[in-house]
Amino acid sequence: MKATAKELRFNSKELLNTVNRGEEVVLTFIGKPCAKLVPYKEKNSKTEKNELFGVWHDNEIVQDIDKGSERNYLEF
């Protein structure tokens, strides 16, 4: 479903009811899509202990972080 910024201002309750039914609402401003209202989903899965992301996820230094209390330092 599409709605304008003006419709959001004056009909926000109806648009939120639409989202609660599971539909997505694309908001437009001056005729161009600018935002999307989507149903909120609770995260059911917990993140893995010491989960790393980005450039560190496959770095050797951080792979065995739970094995010991030794400190690993990057060499520059």
N, C-alpha and C. Protein backbone atom coordinates (compact mmCIF):
# COMPACT_ATOMS: atom_id res chain seq x y z
N MET A 1 0.84 -1.17 0.00
CA MET A 1 0.00 0.00 0.00
C MET A 1 0.89 1.24 0.00
N LYS A 2 0.44 2.28 -0.67
CA LYS A 2 1.16 3.55 -0.68
C LYS A 2 0.33 4.60 0.04
N ALA A 3 1.02 5.51 0.70
CA ALA A 3 0.36 6.62 1.39
C ALA A 3 1.27 7.83 1.30
N THR A 4 0.66 8.99 1.27
CA THR A 4 1.43 10.22 1.21
C THR A 4 1.75 10.70 2.62
N ALA A 5 2.68 11.64 2.71
CA ALA A 5 3.02 12.22 4.00
C ALA A 5 1.80 12.89 4.62
N LYS A 6 0.96 13.49 3.80
CA LYS A 6 -0.27 14.13 4.29
C LYS A 6 -1.22 13.09 4.87
N GLU A 7 -1.34 11.95 4.19
CA GLU A 7 -2.20 10.87 4.70
C GLU A 7 -1.66 10.34 6.02
N LEU A 8 -0.35 10.27 6.15
CA LEU A 8 0.24 9.83 7.42
C LEU A 8 -0.13 10.80 8.54
N ARG A 9 -0.08 12.07 8.22
CA ARG A 9 -0.39 13.08 9.23
C ARG A 9 -1.84 12.99 9.69
N PHE A 10 -2.77 12.82 8.76
CA PHE A 10 -4.19 12.86 9.11
C PHE A 10 -4.81 11.49 9.35
N ASN A 11 -4.18 10.41 8.89
CA ASN A 11 -4.76 9.07 9.02
C ASN A 11 -3.77 8.08 9.63
N SER A 12 -2.97 8.53 10.57
CA SER A 12 -1.92 7.67 11.12
C SER A 12 -2.49 6.42 11.78
N LYS A 13 -3.62 6.54 12.47
CA LYS A 13 -4.21 5.37 13.14
C LYS A 13 -4.59 4.30 12.12
N GLU A 14 -5.21 4.70 11.03
CA GLU A 14 -5.60 3.73 10.01
C GLU A 14 -4.38 3.08 9.36
N LEU A 15 -3.33 3.88 9.13
CA LEU A 15 -2.11 3.32 8.54
C LEU A 15 -1.44 2.34 9.51
N LEU A 16 -1.42 2.67 10.79
CA LEU A 16 -0.85 1.74 11.77
C LEU A 16 -1.68 0.47 11.88
N ASN A 17 -2.98 0.57 11.76
CA ASN A 17 -3.83 -0.63 11.75
C ASN A 17 -3.52 -1.50 10.54
N THR A 18 -3.26 -0.86 9.42
CA THR A 18 -2.87 -1.60 8.21
C THR A 18 -1.57 -2.37 8.46
N VAL A 19 -0.61 -1.70 9.07
CA VAL A 19 0.67 -2.35 9.37
C VAL A 19 0.48 -3.49 10.37
N ASN A 20 -0.37 -3.28 11.37
CA ASN A 20 -0.64 -4.33 12.36
C ASN A 20 -1.28 -5.57 11.74
N ARG A 21 -1.96 -5.40 10.61
CA ARG A 21 -2.53 -6.54 9.90
C ARG A 21 -1.49 -7.29 9.09
N GLY A 22 -0.26 -6.77 9.08
CA GLY A 22 0.82 -7.45 8.38
C GLY A 22 1.20 -6.85 7.04
N GLU A 23 0.55 -5.78 6.64
CA GLU A 23 0.88 -5.15 5.36
C GLU A 23 2.00 -4.13 5.53
N GLU A 24 2.69 -3.87 4.46
CA GLU A 24 3.70 -2.82 4.44
C GLU A 24 3.10 -1.57 3.80
N VAL A 25 3.47 -0.41 4.31
CA VAL A 25 2.99 0.86 3.77
C VAL A 25 4.20 1.67 3.33
N VAL A 26 4.24 2.03 2.06
CA VAL A 26 5.31 2.88 1.52
C VAL A 26 4.83 4.32 1.59
N LEU A 27 5.60 5.15 2.28
CA LEU A 27 5.26 6.56 2.41
C LEU A 27 5.95 7.34 1.31
N THR A 28 5.20 8.23 0.67
CA THR A 28 5.76 9.04 -0.39
C THR A 28 5.75 10.51 0.02
N PHE A 29 6.71 11.22 -0.48
CA PHE A 29 6.81 12.66 -0.25
C PHE A 29 7.12 13.30 -1.59
N ILE A 30 6.28 14.20 -2.01
CA ILE A 30 6.36 14.84 -3.33
C ILE A 30 6.41 13.78 -4.43
N GLY A 31 5.62 12.75 -4.25
CA GLY A 31 5.48 11.71 -5.26
C GLY A 31 6.57 10.66 -5.31
N LYS A 32 7.56 10.77 -4.42
CA LYS A 32 8.67 9.80 -4.43
C LYS A 32 8.67 9.01 -3.12
N PRO A 33 8.93 7.70 -3.20
CA PRO A 33 9.00 6.90 -1.98
C PRO A 33 10.12 7.39 -1.07
N CYS A 34 9.83 7.53 0.22
CA CYS A 34 10.86 8.02 1.13
C CYS A 34 10.96 7.18 2.41
N ALA A 35 9.96 6.36 2.72
CA ALA A 35 10.01 5.55 3.93
C ALA A 35 9.04 4.38 3.79
N LYS A 36 9.25 3.40 4.66
CA LYS A 36 8.37 2.23 4.64
C LYS A 36 7.99 1.88 6.07
N LEU A 37 6.70 1.69 6.30
CA LEU A 37 6.21 1.20 7.58
C LEU A 37 6.03 -0.30 7.44
N VAL A 38 6.69 -1.05 8.32
CA VAL A 38 6.59 -2.51 8.28
C VAL A 38 6.23 -3.02 9.66
N PRO A 39 5.60 -4.19 9.74
CA PRO A 39 5.27 -4.75 11.05
C PRO A 39 6.53 -4.99 11.88
N TYR A 40 6.44 -4.72 13.16
CA TYR A 40 7.56 -4.93 14.07
C TYR A 40 7.61 -6.40 14.45
N LYS A 41 8.80 -6.99 14.38
CA LYS A 41 8.98 -8.39 14.74
C LYS A 41 9.97 -8.47 15.88
N GLU A 42 9.59 -9.18 16.94
CA GLU A 42 10.50 -9.41 18.06
C GLU A 42 11.59 -10.36 17.60
N LYS A 43 12.81 -10.14 18.09
CA LYS A 43 13.89 -11.07 17.80
C LYS A 43 13.73 -12.28 18.72
N ASN A 44 13.57 -13.45 18.14
CA ASN A 44 13.44 -14.66 18.94
C ASN A 44 14.77 -15.31 19.22
N SER A 45 15.69 -15.17 18.31
CA SER A 45 16.98 -15.82 18.48
C SER A 45 17.96 -14.88 19.18
N LYS A 46 18.69 -15.42 20.12
CA LYS A 46 19.69 -14.63 20.80
C LYS A 46 20.97 -14.66 19.98
N THR A 47 21.75 -13.62 20.10
CA THR A 47 23.01 -13.61 19.38
C THR A 47 23.98 -14.57 20.05
N GLU A 48 24.84 -15.12 19.27
CA GLU A 48 25.84 -16.05 19.75
C GLU A 48 26.80 -15.33 20.69
N LYS A 49 27.25 -16.03 21.72
CA LYS A 49 28.16 -15.42 22.68
C LYS A 49 29.43 -14.96 21.95
N ASN A 50 29.84 -13.77 22.24
CA ASN A 50 31.02 -13.15 21.63
C ASN A 50 30.94 -13.09 20.11
N GLU A 51 29.75 -12.96 19.58
CA GLU A 51 29.61 -12.86 18.13
C GLU A 51 30.22 -11.56 17.65
N LEU A 52 31.05 -11.66 16.65
CA LEU A 52 31.69 -10.47 16.08
C LEU A 52 31.15 -10.24 14.68
N PHE A 53 31.26 -9.03 14.23
CA PHE A 53 30.73 -8.70 12.92
C PHE A 53 31.71 -7.81 12.19
N GLY A 54 31.38 -7.55 10.96
CA GLY A 54 32.24 -6.66 10.16
C GLY A 54 33.55 -7.32 9.79
N VAL A 55 34.62 -6.55 9.86
CA VAL A 55 35.92 -7.04 9.43
C VAL A 55 36.52 -8.03 10.41
N TRP A 56 36.01 -8.14 11.64
CA TRP A 56 36.61 -9.00 12.65
C TRP A 56 36.04 -10.42 12.66
N HIS A 57 34.99 -10.72 11.94
CA HIS A 57 34.34 -12.02 12.07
C HIS A 57 35.23 -13.20 11.68
N ASP A 58 36.21 -13.00 10.82
CA ASP A 58 37.07 -14.11 10.42
C ASP A 58 38.54 -13.88 10.79
N ASN A 59 38.82 -12.99 11.70
CA ASN A 59 40.18 -12.69 12.12
C ASN A 59 40.68 -13.77 13.08
N GLU A 60 41.89 -14.29 12.85
CA GLU A 60 42.46 -15.36 13.68
C GLU A 60 42.58 -14.97 15.15
N ILE A 61 42.90 -13.75 15.42
CA ILE A 61 43.14 -13.29 16.78
C ILE A 61 41.90 -13.45 17.65
N VAL A 62 40.73 -13.27 17.10
CA VAL A 62 39.51 -13.30 17.90
C VAL A 62 38.74 -14.61 17.79
N GLN A 63 39.24 -15.59 17.07
CA GLN A 63 38.52 -16.85 16.91
C GLN A 63 38.39 -17.62 18.21
N ASP A 64 39.44 -17.67 19.02
CA ASP A 64 39.44 -18.46 20.24
C ASP A 64 39.39 -17.57 21.47
N ILE A 65 38.48 -16.65 21.49
CA ILE A 65 38.43 -15.66 22.55
C ILE A 65 38.06 -16.26 23.90
N ASP A 66 37.34 -17.39 23.92
CA ASP A 66 36.92 -18.01 25.17
C ASP A 66 37.90 -19.05 25.70
N LYS A 67 38.96 -19.38 24.99
CA LYS A 67 39.87 -20.46 25.38
C LYS A 67 40.76 -20.12 26.56
N GLY A 68 41.14 -18.91 26.72
CA GLY A 68 42.05 -18.57 27.80
C GLY A 68 41.98 -17.12 28.16
N SER A 69 42.75 -16.79 29.17
CA SER A 69 42.74 -15.40 29.61
C SER A 69 43.92 -14.62 29.05
N GLU A 70 44.67 -15.25 28.15
CA GLU A 70 45.80 -14.54 27.54
C GLU A 70 45.28 -13.38 26.70
N ARG A 71 46.00 -12.32 26.71
CA ARG A 71 45.63 -11.18 25.88
C ARG A 71 46.35 -11.28 24.53
N ASN A 72 45.61 -11.09 23.50
CA ASN A 72 46.19 -11.07 22.16
C ASN A 72 46.28 -9.63 21.70
N TYR A 73 47.41 -9.26 21.20
CA TYR A 73 47.60 -7.89 20.74
C TYR A 73 47.92 -7.92 19.24
N LEU A 74 47.44 -6.94 18.55
CA LEU A 74 47.77 -6.80 17.14
C LEU A 74 49.17 -6.21 17.05
N GLU A 75 49.94 -6.74 16.11
CA GLU A 75 51.28 -6.21 15.89
C GLU A 75 51.21 -5.19 14.77
N PHE A 76 51.78 -4.05 15.02
CA PHE A 76 51.77 -2.99 14.01
C PHE A 76 53.13 -2.84 13.41
